[in-house]
Amino acid sequence: MTRSTGELELMLRDYRLTTAEIIYRLPDHPVLLQSYVWQEFDLAPKFPTLKKFLEFWNRELDGKIHSVKVMHAELITPAEFKLVNAPIVIH
């Protein structure tokens, strides 16, 4: 399975491209904030993949999370996705 085929299958199961901006404190300088951008396909509105990543972060990384901003986009909507049964000619 190619990457794009896997992504299409996820989108057909209601996964959407999700981006999270994670603002965290630097371990050695907690008054300073740093930004990390995370992007994966996830299920809105519960975002289980993002929650799993944030649990990993809290368990394994030293930088304490200050805030998380989440955005997601519907890349395929019913009006845009149509099955086509037609031959394709390749020369």
C-alpha atoms as a PDB file:
ATOM      1  CA  MET A   1       0.000   0.000   0.000  1.00  0.00           C
ATOM      2  CA  THR A   2       1.363   3.367  -0.964  1.00  0.00           C
ATOM      3  CA  ARG A   3       1.343   6.296   1.418  1.00  0.00           C
ATOM      4  CA  SER A   4      -1.382   8.089  -0.527  1.00  0.00           C
ATOM      5  CA  THR A   5      -3.578   4.961  -0.617  1.00  0.00           C
ATOM      6  CA  GLY A   6      -3.229   4.625   3.153  1.00  0.00           C
ATOM      7  CA  GLU A   7      -4.136   8.269   3.654  1.00  0.00           C
ATOM      8  CA  LEU A   8      -7.177   7.928   1.389  1.00  0.00           C
ATOM      9  CA  GLU A   9      -8.353   4.914   3.395  1.00  0.00           C
ATOM     10  CA  LEU A  10      -7.992   6.910   6.610  1.00  0.00           C
ATOM     11  CA  MET A  11      -9.938   9.839   5.151  1.00  0.00           C
ATOM     12  CA  LEU A  12     -12.719   7.478   4.054  1.00  0.00           C
ATOM     13  CA  ARG A  13     -12.917   6.325   7.695  1.00  0.00           C
ATOM     14  CA  ASP A  14     -13.469   9.967   8.798  1.00  0.00           C
ATOM     15  CA  TYR A  15      -9.858  10.679   9.773  1.00  0.00           C
ATOM     16  CA  ARG A  16      -8.857  14.255   8.980  1.00  0.00           C
ATOM     17  CA  LEU A  17      -5.513  15.988   8.689  1.00  0.00           C
ATOM     18  CA  THR A  18      -4.927  17.414  12.158  1.00  0.00           C
ATOM     19  CA  THR A  19      -2.293  19.956  13.125  1.00  0.00           C
ATOM     20  CA  ALA A  20      -1.431  20.791  16.717  1.00  0.00           C
ATOM     21  CA  GLU A  21       0.837  23.590  17.844  1.00  0.00           C
ATOM     22  CA  ILE A  22       2.305  22.508  21.173  1.00  0.00           C
ATOM     23  CA  ILE A  23       3.776  25.293  23.284  1.00  0.00           C
ATOM     24  CA  TYR A  24       6.068  23.938  25.980  1.00  0.00           C
ATOM     25  CA  ARG A  25       8.536  25.196  28.559  1.00  0.00           C
ATOM     26  CA  LEU A  26      12.245  24.619  28.011  1.00  0.00           C
ATOM     27  CA  PRO A  27      13.454  22.194  30.708  1.00  0.00           C
ATOM     28  CA  ASP A  28      16.597  24.208  31.593  1.00  0.00           C
ATOM     29  CA  HIS A  29      14.860  27.608  31.299  1.00  0.00           C
ATOM     30  CA  PRO A  30      11.177  27.174  32.295  1.00  0.00           C
ATOM     31  CA  VAL A  31      10.367  30.867  31.775  1.00  0.00           C
ATOM     32  CA  LEU A  32      11.086  30.419  28.035  1.00  0.00           C
ATOM     33  CA  LEU A  33       8.483  28.870  25.733  1.00  0.00           C
ATOM     34  CA  GLN A  34       9.174  26.819  22.606  1.00  0.00           C
ATOM     35  CA  SER A  35       6.802  25.759  19.835  1.00  0.00           C
ATOM     36  CA  TYR A  36       6.476  22.274  18.298  1.00  0.00           C
ATOM     37  CA  VAL A  37       4.149  21.502  15.365  1.00  0.00           C
ATOM     38  CA  TRP A  38       2.627  18.001  15.202  1.00  0.00           C
ATOM     39  CA  GLN A  39       0.644  16.786  12.176  1.00  0.00           C
ATOM     40  CA  GLU A  40      -1.138  13.467  11.612  1.00  0.00           C
ATOM     41  CA  PHE A  41      -4.449  12.068  10.473  1.00  0.00           C
ATOM     42  CA  ASP A  42      -6.799  11.872  13.455  1.00  0.00           C
ATOM     43  CA  LEU A  43     -10.478  11.566  14.380  1.00  0.00           C
ATOM     44  CA  ALA A  44     -12.209  14.799  15.418  1.00  0.00           C
ATOM     45  CA  PRO A  45     -13.479  15.784  17.945  1.00  0.00           C
ATOM     46  CA  LYS A  46     -11.865  13.279  20.344  1.00  0.00           C
ATOM     47  CA  PHE A  47      -8.431  13.211  18.632  1.00  0.00           C
ATOM     48  CA  PRO A  48      -7.228   9.823  19.991  1.00  0.00           C
ATOM     49  CA  THR A  49      -3.927   9.913  18.064  1.00  0.00           C
ATOM     50  CA  LEU A  50      -3.058  13.373  19.381  1.00  0.00           C
ATOM     51  CA  LYS A  51      -4.030  12.377  22.930  1.00  0.00           C
ATOM     52  CA  LYS A  52      -1.753   9.336  22.685  1.00  0.00           C
ATOM     53  CA  PHE A  53       1.111  11.572  21.514  1.00  0.00           C
ATOM     54  CA  LEU A  54       0.517  14.077  24.347  1.00  0.00           C
ATOM     55  CA  GLU A  55       0.483  11.225  26.883  1.00  0.00           C
ATOM     56  CA  PHE A  56       3.824  10.069  25.466  1.00  0.00           C
ATOM     57  CA  TRP A  57       5.147  13.639  25.704  1.00  0.00           C
ATOM     58  CA  ASN A  58       4.123  14.009  29.352  1.00  0.00           C
ATOM     59  CA  ARG A  59       5.545  10.593  30.232  1.00  0.00           C
ATOM     60  CA  GLU A  60       8.842  10.685  28.293  1.00  0.00           C
ATOM     61  CA  LEU A  61       9.889  14.293  27.638  1.00  0.00           C
ATOM     62  CA  ASP A  62      11.139  16.938  30.063  1.00  0.00           C
ATOM     63  CA  GLY A  63       9.509  20.031  28.554  1.00  0.00           C
ATOM     64  CA  LYS A  64       6.250  20.714  30.397  1.00  0.00           C
ATOM     65  CA  ILE A  65       3.367  21.519  28.032  1.00  0.00           C
ATOM     66  CA  HIS A  66       2.057  25.060  28.385  1.00  0.00           C
ATOM     67  CA  SER A  67      -0.754  24.922  25.788  1.00  0.00           C
ATOM     68  CA  VAL A  68      -1.975  23.056  22.713  1.00  0.00           C
ATOM     69  CA  LYS A  69      -3.817  24.607  19.760  1.00  0.00           C
ATOM     70  CA  VAL A  70      -5.559  22.097  17.474  1.00  0.00           C
ATOM     71  CA  MET A  71      -6.717  22.624  13.889  1.00  0.00           C
ATOM     72  CA  HIS A  72      -8.161  20.068  11.493  1.00  0.00           C
ATOM     73  CA  ALA A  73      -9.379  20.102   7.921  1.00  0.00           C
ATOM     74  CA  GLU A  74     -11.875  17.990   6.048  1.00  0.00           C
ATOM     75  CA  LEU A  75      -9.975  17.091   2.906  1.00  0.00           C
ATOM     76  CA  ILE A  76     -12.693  14.926   1.393  1.00  0.00           C
ATOM     77  CA  THR A  77     -16.357  15.802   1.616  1.00  0.00           C
ATOM     78  CA  PRO A  78     -19.228  13.856   0.049  1.00  0.00           C
ATOM     79  CA  ALA A  79     -19.637  16.443  -2.710  1.00  0.00           C
ATOM     80  CA  GLU A  80     -15.987  16.148  -3.768  1.00  0.00           C
ATOM     81  CA  PHE A  81     -15.438  12.374  -3.732  1.00  0.00           C
ATOM     82  CA  LYS A  82     -16.982  10.387  -6.590  1.00  0.00           C
ATOM     83  CA  LEU A  83     -16.243   6.864  -7.739  1.00  0.00           C
ATOM     84  CA  VAL A  84     -15.622   6.676 -11.464  1.00  0.00           C
ATOM     85  CA  ASN A  85     -15.956   3.471 -13.423  1.00  0.00           C
ATOM     86  CA  ALA A  86     -14.078   4.304 -16.623  1.00  0.00           C
ATOM     87  CA  PRO A  87     -11.143   2.807 -18.471  1.00  0.00           C
ATOM     88  CA  ILE A  88      -7.831   4.585 -18.342  1.00  0.00           C
ATOM     89  CA  VAL A  89      -5.635   4.394 -21.435  1.00  0.00           C
ATOM     90  CA  ILE A  90      -1.885   4.584 -20.867  1.00  0.00           C
ATOM     91  CA  HIS A  91       0.347   4.883 -23.920  1.00  0.00           C
END
